Amino acid sequence: MECARTEDLEFVLNVASRTPKKVWTLEDIGGQLIICAGYHLVNRINYFITEVEWEDENIEVQYCDKDADIDESTIQKALKGMLDHLMIMARLPIRITSWSFS
């Protein structure tokens, strides 16, 4: 869920306050795209809400190397690869209905 809009961020914060283990954050850390368990504000690009809670807060999925140019196309490709990997690692059914970039 891209949070450029206030109502999107409010939705994520609402879910995070009620069921924090259903929130994941896509972050740009030193040029690398990483999905981290939990709600994180700094370096965030996007959020994901899952149907099943994560069990280990140390789950991270890294996809993009630090020398890659991060643009919309790179992020979309990275998201698909990371989500596929995340579903296998965390055994989570993840369903993304839409995403957008500002």
PDB file of N, CA and C in Angstrom:
ATOM      1  N   MET A   1       0.845  -1.162   0.000  1.00  0.00           N
ATOM      2  CA  MET A   1       0.000   0.000   0.000  1.00  0.00           C
ATOM      3  C   MET A   1       0.897   1.234   0.000  1.00  0.00           C
ATOM      4  N   GLU A   2       0.814   2.021  -1.037  1.00  0.00           N
ATOM      5  CA  GLU A   2       1.590   3.249  -1.157  1.00  0.00           C
ATOM      6  C   GLU A   2       0.911   4.311  -0.306  1.00  0.00           C
ATOM      7  N   CYS A   3       1.696   5.021   0.486  1.00  0.00           N
ATOM      8  CA  CYS A   3       1.109   5.905   1.495  1.00  0.00           C
ATOM      9  C   CYS A   3       1.356   7.380   1.240  1.00  0.00           C
ATOM     10  N   ALA A   4       1.294   7.814   0.000  1.00  0.00           N
ATOM     11  CA  ALA A   4       1.397   9.242  -0.276  1.00  0.00           C
ATOM     12  C   ALA A   4       0.117   9.938   0.169  1.00  0.00           C
ATOM     13  N   ARG A   5      -0.990   9.207   0.153  1.00  0.00           N
ATOM     14  CA  ARG A   5      -2.267   9.783   0.558  1.00  0.00           C
ATOM     15  C   ARG A   5      -2.465   9.604   2.061  1.00  0.00           C
ATOM     16  N   THR A   6      -3.015  10.618   2.694  1.00  0.00           N
ATOM     17  CA  THR A   6      -3.241  10.599   4.134  1.00  0.00           C
ATOM     18  C   THR A   6      -4.122   9.431   4.557  1.00  0.00           C
ATOM     19  N   GLU A   7      -5.183   9.156   3.786  1.00  0.00           N
ATOM     20  CA  GLU A   7      -6.089   8.068   4.175  1.00  0.00           C
ATOM     21  C   GLU A   7      -5.410   6.705   4.117  1.00  0.00           C
ATOM     22  N   ASP A   8      -4.444   6.513   3.210  1.00  0.00           N
ATOM     23  CA  ASP A   8      -3.703   5.252   3.161  1.00  0.00           C
ATOM     24  C   ASP A   8      -2.849   5.084   4.412  1.00  0.00           C
ATOM     25  N   LEU A   9      -2.142   6.142   4.793  1.00  0.00           N
ATOM     26  CA  LEU A   9      -1.305   6.077   5.991  1.00  0.00           C
ATOM     27  C   LEU A   9      -2.165   5.860   7.231  1.00  0.00           C
ATOM     28  N   GLU A  10      -3.311   6.511   7.301  1.00  0.00           N
ATOM     29  CA  GLU A  10      -4.218   6.308   8.435  1.00  0.00           C
ATOM     30  C   GLU A  10      -4.670   4.852   8.513  1.00  0.00           C
ATOM     31  N   PHE A  11      -4.945   4.243   7.357  1.00  0.00           N
ATOM     32  CA  PHE A  11      -5.347   2.837   7.332  1.00  0.00           C
ATOM     33  C   PHE A  11      -4.226   1.950   7.873  1.00  0.00           C
ATOM     34  N   VAL A  12      -2.996   2.174   7.406  1.00  0.00           N
ATOM     35  CA  VAL A  12      -1.855   1.376   7.862  1.00  0.00           C
ATOM     36  C   VAL A  12      -1.655   1.553   9.364  1.00  0.00           C
ATOM     37  N   LEU A  13      -1.715   2.784   9.847  1.00  0.00           N
ATOM     38  CA  LEU A  13      -1.541   3.040  11.278  1.00  0.00           C
ATOM     39  C   LEU A  13      -2.643   2.372  12.099  1.00  0.00           C
ATOM     40  N   ASN A  14      -3.854   2.360  11.582  1.00  0.00           N
ATOM     41  CA  ASN A  14      -4.964   1.705  12.269  1.00  0.00           C
ATOM     42  C   ASN A  14      -4.718   0.201  12.379  1.00  0.00           C
ATOM     43  N   VAL A  15      -4.308  -0.416  11.275  1.00  0.00           N
ATOM     44  CA  VAL A  15      -4.002  -1.853  11.302  1.00  0.00           C
ATOM     45  C   VAL A  15      -2.826  -2.121  12.233  1.00  0.00           C
ATOM     46  N   ALA A  16      -1.785  -1.289  12.156  1.00  0.00           N
ATOM     47  CA  ALA A  16      -0.593  -1.476  12.989  1.00  0.00           C
ATOM     48  C   ALA A  16      -0.918  -1.367  14.476  1.00  0.00           C
ATOM     49  N   SER A  17      -1.875  -0.520  14.825  1.00  0.00           N
ATOM     50  CA  SER A  17      -2.229  -0.373  16.243  1.00  0.00           C
ATOM     51  C   SER A  17      -3.062  -1.556  16.742  1.00  0.00           C
ATOM     52  N   ARG A  18      -3.855  -2.168  15.866  1.00  0.00           N
ATOM     53  CA  ARG A  18      -4.713  -3.289  16.261  1.00  0.00           C
ATOM     54  C   ARG A  18      -4.022  -4.641  16.100  1.00  0.00           C
ATOM     55  N   THR A  19      -3.377  -4.837  14.952  1.00  0.00           N
ATOM     56  CA  THR A  19      -2.727  -6.120  14.648  1.00  0.00           C
ATOM     57  C   THR A  19      -1.361  -5.847  14.017  1.00  0.00           C
ATOM     58  N   PRO A  20      -0.391  -5.424  14.825  1.00  0.00           N
ATOM     59  CA  PRO A  20       0.912  -5.010  14.281  1.00  0.00           C
ATOM     60  C   PRO A  20       1.650  -6.098  13.513  1.00  0.00           C
ATOM     61  N   LYS A  21       1.367  -7.348  13.789  1.00  0.00           N
ATOM     62  CA  LYS A  21       2.079  -8.434  13.114  1.00  0.00           C
ATOM     63  C   LYS A  21       1.526  -8.743  11.730  1.00  0.00           C
ATOM     64  N   LYS A  22       0.596  -7.943  11.253  1.00  0.00           N
ATOM     65  CA  LYS A  22       0.093  -8.091   9.885  1.00  0.00           C
ATOM     66  C   LYS A  22       0.673  -7.022   8.962  1.00  0.00           C
ATOM     67  N   VAL A  23       1.535  -6.173   9.502  1.00  0.00           N
ATOM     68  CA  VAL A  23       2.101  -5.063   8.733  1.00  0.00           C
ATOM     69  C   VAL A  23       3.551  -5.362   8.377  1.00  0.00           C
ATOM     70  N   TRP A  24       3.896  -5.094   7.121  1.00  0.00           N
ATOM     71  CA  TRP A  24       5.257  -5.212   6.604  1.00  0.00           C
ATOM     72  C   TRP A  24       5.606  -3.886   5.946  1.00  0.00           C
ATOM     73  N   THR A  25       6.896  -3.529   5.945  1.00  0.00           N
ATOM     74  CA  THR A  25       7.334  -2.272   5.346  1.00  0.00           C
ATOM     75  C   THR A  25       8.380  -2.544   4.273  1.00  0.00           C
ATOM     76  N   LEU A  26       8.178  -1.972   3.093  1.00  0.00           N
ATOM     77  CA  LEU A  26       9.195  -1.984   2.040  1.00  0.00           C
ATOM     78  C   LEU A  26      10.055  -0.757   2.260  1.00  0.00           C
ATOM     79  N   GLU A  27      11.359  -0.961   2.449  1.00  0.00           N
ATOM     80  CA  GLU A  27      12.275   0.134   2.743  1.00  0.00           C
ATOM     81  C   GLU A  27      13.403   0.196   1.719  1.00  0.00           C
ATOM     82  N   ASP A  28      13.907   1.408   1.518  1.00  0.00           N
ATOM     83  CA  ASP A  28      15.119   1.633   0.730  1.00  0.00           C
ATOM     84  C   ASP A  28      16.230   1.870   1.739  1.00  0.00           C
ATOM     85  N   ILE A  29      17.082   0.866   1.912  1.00  0.00           N
ATOM     86  CA  ILE A  29      18.171   0.968   2.880  1.00  0.00           C
ATOM     87  C   ILE A  29      19.481   0.921   2.115  1.00  0.00           C
ATOM     88  N   GLY A  30      20.118   2.059   1.984  1.00  0.00           N
ATOM     89  CA  GLY A  30      21.386   2.140   1.270  1.00  0.00           C
ATOM     90  C   GLY A  30      21.295   1.697  -0.171  1.00  0.00           C
ATOM     91  N   GLY A  31      20.170   1.963  -0.823  1.00  0.00           N
ATOM     92  CA  GLY A  31      19.998   1.576  -2.215  1.00  0.00           C
ATOM     93  C   GLY A  31      19.493   0.163  -2.410  1.00  0.00           C
ATOM     94  N   GLN A  32      19.230  -0.545  -1.323  1.00  0.00           N
ATOM     95  CA  GLN A  32      18.691  -1.898  -1.411  1.00  0.00           C
ATOM     96  C   GLN A  32      17.225  -1.878  -1.003  1.00  0.00           C
ATOM     97  N   LEU A  33      16.390  -2.588  -1.743  1.00  0.00           N
ATOM     98  CA  LEU A  33      14.985  -2.716  -1.388  1.00  0.00           C
ATOM     99  C   LEU A  33      14.828  -3.915  -0.465  1.00  0.00           C
ATOM    100  N   ILE A  34      14.257  -3.670   0.704  1.00  0.00           N
ATOM    101  CA  ILE A  34      14.102  -4.712   1.710  1.00  0.00           C
ATOM    102  C   ILE A  34      12.691  -4.654   2.275  1.00  0.00           C
ATOM    103  N   ILE A  35      12.037  -5.804   2.392  1.00  0.00           N
ATOM    104  CA  ILE A  35      10.762  -5.882   3.102  1.00  0.00           C
ATOM    105  C   ILE A  35      11.075  -6.352   4.516  1.00  0.00           C
ATOM    106  N   CYS A  36      10.633  -5.566   5.496  1.00  0.00           N
ATOM    107  CA  CYS A  36      10.867  -5.867   6.905  1.00  0.00           C
ATOM    108  C   CYS A  36       9.541  -6.104   7.609  1.00  0.00           C
ATOM    109  N   ALA A  37       9.542  -7.021   8.554  1.00  0.00           N
ATOM    110  CA  ALA A  37       8.352  -7.253   9.360  1.00  0.00           C
ATOM    111  C   ALA A  37       8.090  -6.028  10.227  1.00  0.00           C
ATOM    112  N   GLY A  38       6.833  -5.600  10.282  1.00  0.00           N
ATOM    113  CA  GLY A  38       6.441  -4.502  11.159  1.00  0.00           C
ATOM    114  C   GLY A  38       6.306  -3.167  10.448  1.00  0.00           C
ATOM    115  N   TYR A  39       5.831  -2.187  11.206  1.00  0.00           N
ATOM    116  CA  TYR A  39       5.643  -0.824  10.706  1.00  0.00           C
ATOM    117  C   TYR A  39       6.916  -0.029  10.957  1.00  0.00           C
ATOM    118  N   HIS A  40       7.462   0.557   9.903  1.00  0.00           N
ATOM    119  CA  HIS A  40       8.649   1.405  10.003  1.00  0.00           C
ATOM    120  C   HIS A  40       8.368   2.680   9.221  1.00  0.00           C
ATOM    121  N   LEU A  41       8.739   3.809   9.770  1.00  0.00           N
ATOM    122  CA  LEU A  41       8.478   5.086   9.114  1.00  0.00           C
ATOM    123  C   LEU A  41       9.676   5.547   8.285  1.00  0.00           C
ATOM    124  N   VAL A  42      10.872   5.418   8.844  1.00  0.00           N
ATOM    125  CA  VAL A  42      12.080   5.909   8.180  1.00  0.00           C
ATOM    126  C   VAL A  42      12.405   5.031   6.969  1.00  0.00           C
ATOM    127  N   ASN A  43      12.735   5.654   5.857  1.00  0.00           N
ATOM    128  CA  ASN A  43      13.134   4.985   4.611  1.00  0.00           C
ATOM    129  C   ASN A  43      12.025   4.166   3.958  1.00  0.00           C
ATOM    130  N   ARG A  44      10.801   4.352   4.368  1.00  0.00           N
ATOM    131  CA  ARG A  44       9.712   3.553   3.828  1.00  0.00           C
ATOM    132  C   ARG A  44       9.396   3.941   2.393  1.00  0.00           C
ATOM    133  N   ILE A  45       9.025   2.956   1.605  1.00  0.00           N
ATOM    134  CA  ILE A  45       8.537   3.175   0.250  1.00  0.00           C
ATOM    135  C   ILE A  45       7.069   2.771   0.193  1.00  0.00           C
ATOM    136  N   ASN A  46       6.741   1.683   0.887  1.00  0.00           N
ATOM    137  CA  ASN A  46       5.417   1.107   0.772  1.00  0.00           C
ATOM    138  C   ASN A  46       5.136   0.237   1.984  1.00  0.00           C
ATOM    139  N   TYR A  47       3.882  -0.115   2.188  1.00  0.00           N
ATOM    140  CA  TYR A  47       3.481  -1.032   3.251  1.00  0.00           C
ATOM    141  C   TYR A  47       2.680  -2.176   2.649  1.00  0.00           C
ATOM    142  N   PHE A  48       2.712  -3.311   3.341  1.00  0.00           N
ATOM    143  CA  PHE A  48       1.911  -4.460   2.973  1.00  0.00           C
ATOM    144  C   PHE A  48       1.143  -4.908   4.208  1.00  0.00           C
ATOM    145  N   ILE A  49      -0.102  -5.261   4.007  1.00  0.00           N
ATOM    146  CA  ILE A  49      -0.928  -5.816   5.072  1.00  0.00           C
ATOM    147  C   ILE A  49      -1.223  -7.258   4.670  1.00  0.00           C
ATOM    148  N   THR A  50      -0.887  -8.209   5.541  1.00  0.00           N
ATOM    149  CA  THR A  50      -1.111  -9.620   5.237  1.00  0.00           C
ATOM    150  C   THR A  50      -2.302 -10.156   6.023  1.00  0.00           C
ATOM    151  N   GLU A  51      -2.842 -11.247   5.559  1.00  0.00           N
ATOM    152  CA  GLU A  51      -3.963 -11.878   6.245  1.00  0.00           C
ATOM    153  C   GLU A  51      -3.491 -12.663   7.464  1.00  0.00           C
ATOM    154  N   VAL A  52      -2.277 -13.193   7.401  1.00  0.00           N
ATOM    155  CA  VAL A  52      -1.712 -13.989   8.487  1.00  0.00           C
ATOM    156  C   VAL A  52      -0.592 -13.189   9.141  1.00  0.00           C
ATOM    157  N   GLU A  53      -0.518 -13.230  10.469  1.00  0.00           N
ATOM    158  CA  GLU A  53       0.511 -12.483  11.195  1.00  0.00           C
ATOM    159  C   GLU A  53       1.881 -13.142  11.036  1.00  0.00           C
ATOM    160  N   TRP A  54       2.923 -12.294  11.004  1.00  0.00           N
ATOM    161  CA  TRP A  54       4.277 -12.835  11.007  1.00  0.00           C
ATOM    162  C   TRP A  54       4.599 -13.310  12.421  1.00  0.00           C
ATOM    163  N   GLU A  55       5.501 -14.285  12.517  1.00  0.00           N
ATOM    164  CA  GLU A  55       5.860 -14.847  13.819  1.00  0.00           C
ATOM    165  C   GLU A  55       7.229 -14.391  14.291  1.00  0.00           C
ATOM    166  N   ASP A  56       8.082 -13.983  13.380  1.00  0.00           N
ATOM    167  CA  ASP A  56       9.454 -13.602  13.728  1.00  0.00           C
ATOM    168  C   ASP A  56       9.724 -12.211  13.193  1.00  0.00           C
ATOM    169  N   GLU A  57       9.960 -11.260  14.092  1.00  0.00           N
ATOM    170  CA  GLU A  57      10.176  -9.884  13.657  1.00  0.00           C
ATOM    171  C   GLU A  57      11.496  -9.695  12.912  1.00  0.00           C
ATOM    172  N   ASN A  58      12.336 -10.703  12.885  1.00  0.00           N
ATOM    173  CA  ASN A  58      13.628 -10.591  12.210  1.00  0.00           C
ATOM    174  C   ASN A  58      13.589 -11.039  10.756  1.00  0.00           C
ATOM    175  N   ILE A  59      12.400 -11.308  10.215  1.00  0.00           N
ATOM    176  CA  ILE A  59      12.291 -11.693   8.811  1.00  0.00           C
ATOM    177  C   ILE A  59      12.513 -10.461   7.942  1.00  0.00           C
ATOM    178  N   GLU A  60      13.456 -10.566   7.026  1.00  0.00           N
ATOM    179  CA  GLU A  60      13.704  -9.522   6.032  1.00  0.00           C
ATOM    180  C   GLU A  60      13.918 -10.199   4.691  1.00  0.00           C
ATOM    181  N   VAL A  61      13.429  -9.575   3.650  1.00  0.00           N
ATOM    182  CA  VAL A  61      13.651 -10.082   2.304  1.00  0.00           C
ATOM    183  C   VAL A  61      14.359  -8.992   1.526  1.00  0.00           C
ATOM    184  N   GLN A  62      15.571  -9.294   1.054  1.00  0.00           N
ATOM    185  CA  GLN A  62      16.377  -8.328   0.312  1.00  0.00           C
ATOM    186  C   GLN A  62      16.354  -8.707  -1.155  1.00  0.00           C
ATOM    187  N   TYR A  63      16.210  -7.698  -2.018  1.00  0.00           N
ATOM    188  CA  TYR A  63      16.118  -8.026  -3.436  1.00  0.00           C
ATOM    189  C   TYR A  63      17.067  -7.235  -4.315  1.00  0.00           C
ATOM    190  N   CYS A  64      17.129  -5.944  -4.145  1.00  0.00           N
ATOM    191  CA  CYS A  64      17.797  -5.071  -5.110  1.00  0.00           C
ATOM    192  C   CYS A  64      19.168  -4.652  -4.590  1.00  0.00           C
ATOM    193  N   ASP A  65      20.213  -4.811  -5.406  1.00  0.00           N
ATOM    194  CA  ASP A  65      21.531  -4.430  -4.915  1.00  0.00           C
ATOM    195  C   ASP A  65      21.712  -2.918  -4.909  1.00  0.00           C
ATOM    196  N   LYS A  66      22.674  -2.466  -4.122  1.00  0.00           N
ATOM    197  CA  LYS A  66      22.834  -1.032  -3.870  1.00  0.00           C
ATOM    198  C   LYS A  66      23.272  -0.237  -5.088  1.00  0.00           C
ATOM    199  N   ASP A  67      23.770  -0.884  -6.132  1.00  0.00           N
ATOM    200  CA  ASP A  67      24.208  -0.152  -7.321  1.00  0.00           C
ATOM    201  C   ASP A  67      23.109   0.012  -8.365  1.00  0.00           C
ATOM    202  N   ALA A  68      21.955  -0.609  -8.132  1.00  0.00           N
ATOM    203  CA  ALA A  68      20.860  -0.525  -9.106  1.00  0.00           C
ATOM    204  C   ALA A  68      20.161   0.824  -9.013  1.00  0.00           C
ATOM    205  N   ASP A  69      19.704   1.310 -10.160  1.00  0.00           N
ATOM    206  CA  ASP A  69      18.880   2.514 -10.168  1.00  0.00           C
ATOM    207  C   ASP A  69      17.491   2.124  -9.691  1.00  0.00           C
ATOM    208  N   ILE A  70      17.000   2.816  -8.674  1.00  0.00           N
ATOM    209  CA  ILE A  70      15.677   2.507  -8.150  1.00  0.00           C
ATOM    210  C   ILE A  70      14.673   3.443  -8.789  1.00  0.00           C
ATOM    211  N   ASP A  71      13.887   2.887  -9.705  1.00  0.00           N
ATOM    212  CA  ASP A  71      12.814   3.639 -10.341  1.00  0.00           C
ATOM    213  C   ASP A  71      11.548   2.792 -10.257  1.00  0.00           C
ATOM    214  N   GLU A  72      10.466   3.277 -10.832  1.00  0.00           N
ATOM    215  CA  GLU A  72       9.185   2.569 -10.721  1.00  0.00           C
ATOM    216  C   GLU A  72       9.266   1.149 -11.263  1.00  0.00           C
ATOM    217  N   SER A  73       9.907   0.967 -12.410  1.00  0.00           N
ATOM    218  CA  SER A  73      10.024  -0.355 -13.015  1.00  0.00           C
ATOM    219  C   SER A  73      10.821  -1.301 -12.115  1.00  0.00           C
ATOM    220  N   THR A  74      11.926  -0.813 -11.559  1.00  0.00           N
ATOM    221  CA  THR A  74      12.745  -1.625 -10.664  1.00  0.00           C
ATOM    222  C   THR A  74      11.949  -2.035  -9.438  1.00  0.00           C
ATOM    223  N   ILE A  75      11.195  -1.093  -8.880  1.00  0.00           N
ATOM    224  CA  ILE A  75      10.406  -1.389  -7.687  1.00  0.00           C
ATOM    225  C   ILE A  75       9.342  -2.429  -7.996  1.00  0.00           C
ATOM    226  N   GLN A  76       8.658  -2.294  -9.132  1.00  0.00           N
ATOM    227  CA  GLN A  76       7.615  -3.264  -9.481  1.00  0.00           C
ATOM    228  C   GLN A  76       8.194  -4.664  -9.653  1.00  0.00           C
ATOM    229  N   LYS A  77       9.340  -4.774 -10.329  1.00  0.00           N
ATOM    230  CA  LYS A  77       9.983  -6.077 -10.505  1.00  0.00           C
ATOM    231  C   LYS A  77      10.448  -6.628  -9.160  1.00  0.00           C
ATOM    232  N   ALA A  78      11.023  -5.752  -8.344  1.00  0.00           N
ATOM    233  CA  ALA A  78      11.509  -6.175  -7.031  1.00  0.00           C
ATOM    234  C   ALA A  78      10.365  -6.652  -6.151  1.00  0.00           C
ATOM    235  N   LEU A  79       9.248  -5.946  -6.204  1.00  0.00           N
ATOM    236  CA  LEU A  79       8.093  -6.335  -5.389  1.00  0.00           C
ATOM    237  C   LEU A  79       7.626  -7.738  -5.729  1.00  0.00           C
ATOM    238  N   LYS A  80       7.519  -8.044  -7.001  1.00  0.00           N
ATOM    239  CA  LYS A  80       7.061  -9.378  -7.388  1.00  0.00           C
ATOM    240  C   LYS A  80       8.017 -10.440  -6.871  1.00  0.00           C
ATOM    241  N   GLY A  81       9.309 -10.235  -7.080  1.00  0.00           N
ATOM    242  CA  GLY A  81      10.289 -11.206  -6.609  1.00  0.00           C
ATOM    243  C   GLY A  81      10.308 -11.336  -5.097  1.00  0.00           C
ATOM    244  N   MET A  82      10.245 -10.202  -4.410  1.00  0.00           N
ATOM    245  CA  MET A  82      10.279 -10.238  -2.950  1.00  0.00           C
ATOM    246  C   MET A  82       9.034 -10.889  -2.376  1.00  0.00           C
ATOM    247  N   LEU A  83       7.871 -10.570  -2.934  1.00  0.00           N
ATOM    248  CA  LEU A  83       6.637 -11.153  -2.419  1.00  0.00           C
ATOM    249  C   LEU A  83       6.607 -12.657  -2.638  1.00  0.00           C
ATOM    250  N   ASP A  84       7.064 -13.116  -3.797  1.00  0.00           N
ATOM    251  CA  ASP A  84       7.142 -14.557  -4.040  1.00  0.00           C
ATOM    252  C   ASP A  84       8.047 -15.216  -3.004  1.00  0.00           C
ATOM    253  N   HIS A  85       9.212 -14.610  -2.760  1.00  0.00           N
ATOM    254  CA  HIS A  85      10.169 -15.141  -1.796  1.00  0.00           C
ATOM    255  C   HIS A  85       9.598 -15.091  -0.379  1.00  0.00           C
ATOM    256  N   LEU A  86       8.937 -13.996  -0.050  1.00  0.00           N
ATOM    257  CA  LEU A  86       8.369 -13.822   1.283  1.00  0.00           C
ATOM    258  C   LEU A  86       7.287 -14.858   1.564  1.00  0.00           C
ATOM    259  N   MET A  87       6.470 -15.148   0.578  1.00  0.00           N
ATOM    260  CA  MET A  87       5.415 -16.146   0.773  1.00  0.00           C
ATOM    261  C   MET A  87       6.011 -17.509   1.086  1.00  0.00           C
ATOM    262  N   ILE A  88       7.145 -17.823   0.475  1.00  0.00           N
ATOM    263  CA  ILE A  88       7.802 -19.104   0.721  1.00  0.00           C
ATOM    264  C   ILE A  88       8.466 -19.103   2.095  1.00  0.00           C
ATOM    265  N   MET A  89       9.229 -18.043   2.408  1.00  0.00           N
ATOM    266  CA  MET A  89       9.962 -17.975   3.675  1.00  0.00           C
ATOM    267  C   MET A  89       9.044 -17.940   4.888  1.00  0.00           C
ATOM    268  N   ALA A  90       8.060 -17.062   4.835  1.00  0.00           N
ATOM    269  CA  ALA A  90       7.218 -16.836   6.005  1.00  0.00           C
ATOM    270  C   ALA A  90       5.948 -17.667   5.977  1.00  0.00           C
ATOM    271  N   ARG A  91       5.744 -18.397   4.881  1.00  0.00           N
ATOM    272  CA  ARG A  91       4.525 -19.186   4.713  1.00  0.00           C
ATOM    273  C   ARG A  91       3.289 -18.314   4.892  1.00  0.00           C
ATOM    274  N   LEU A  92       3.330 -17.139   4.293  1.00  0.00           N
ATOM    275  CA  LEU A  92       2.223 -16.193   4.409  1.00  0.00           C
ATOM    276  C   LEU A  92       1.461 -16.093   3.100  1.00  0.00           C
ATOM    277  N   PRO A  93       0.144 -16.176   3.160  1.00  0.00           N
ATOM    278  CA  PRO A  93      -0.637 -15.901   1.951  1.00  0.00           C
ATOM    279  C   PRO A  93      -0.728 -14.397   1.754  1.00  0.00           C
ATOM    280  N   ILE A  94      -0.043 -13.877   0.769  1.00  0.00           N
ATOM    281  CA  ILE A  94      -0.034 -12.438   0.528  1.00  0.00           C
ATOM    282  C   ILE A  94      -0.823 -12.160  -0.735  1.00  0.00           C
ATOM    283  N   ARG A  95      -1.746 -11.250  -0.626  1.00  0.00           N
ATOM    284  CA  ARG A  95      -2.541 -10.868  -1.784  1.00  0.00           C
ATOM    285  C   ARG A  95      -2.484  -9.355  -1.897  1.00  0.00           C
ATOM    286  N   ILE A  96      -1.926  -8.866  -2.977  1.00  0.00           N
ATOM    287  CA  ILE A  96      -1.865  -7.435  -3.237  1.00  0.00           C
ATOM    288  C   ILE A  96      -2.947  -7.132  -4.264  1.00  0.00           C
ATOM    289  N   THR A  97      -3.876  -6.282  -3.900  1.00  0.00           N
ATOM    290  CA  THR A  97      -4.965  -5.972  -4.819  1.00  0.00           C
ATOM    291  C   THR A  97      -4.600  -4.830  -5.751  1.00  0.00           C
ATOM    292  N   SER A  98      -3.760  -3.925  -5.292  1.00  0.00           N
ATOM    293  CA  SER A  98      -3.318  -2.828  -6.160  1.00  0.00           C
ATOM    294  C   SER A  98      -2.122  -2.149  -5.517  1.00  0.00           C
ATOM    295  N   TRP A  99      -1.365  -1.451  -6.332  1.00  0.00           N
ATOM    296  CA  TRP A  99      -0.320  -0.580  -5.811  1.00  0.00           C
ATOM    297  C   TRP A  99      -0.155   0.571  -6.765  1.00  0.00           C
ATOM    298  N   SER A 100       0.369   1.640  -6.238  1.00  0.00           N
ATOM    299  CA  SER A 100       0.602   2.816  -7.077  1.00  0.00           C
ATOM    300  C   SER A 100       1.831   3.532  -6.564  1.00  0.00           C
ATOM    301  N   PHE A 101       2.420   4.330  -7.425  1.00  0.00           N
ATOM    302  CA  PHE A 101       3.611   5.086  -7.073  1.00  0.00           C
ATOM    303  C   PHE A 101       3.361   6.540  -7.411  1.00  0.00           C
ATOM    304  N   SER A 102       3.817   7.417  -6.543  1.00  0.00           N
ATOM    305  CA  SER A 102       3.624   8.845  -6.828  1.00  0.00           C
ATOM    306  C   SER A 102       4.874   9.441  -7.432  1.00  0.00           C
TER     307      SER A 102
END
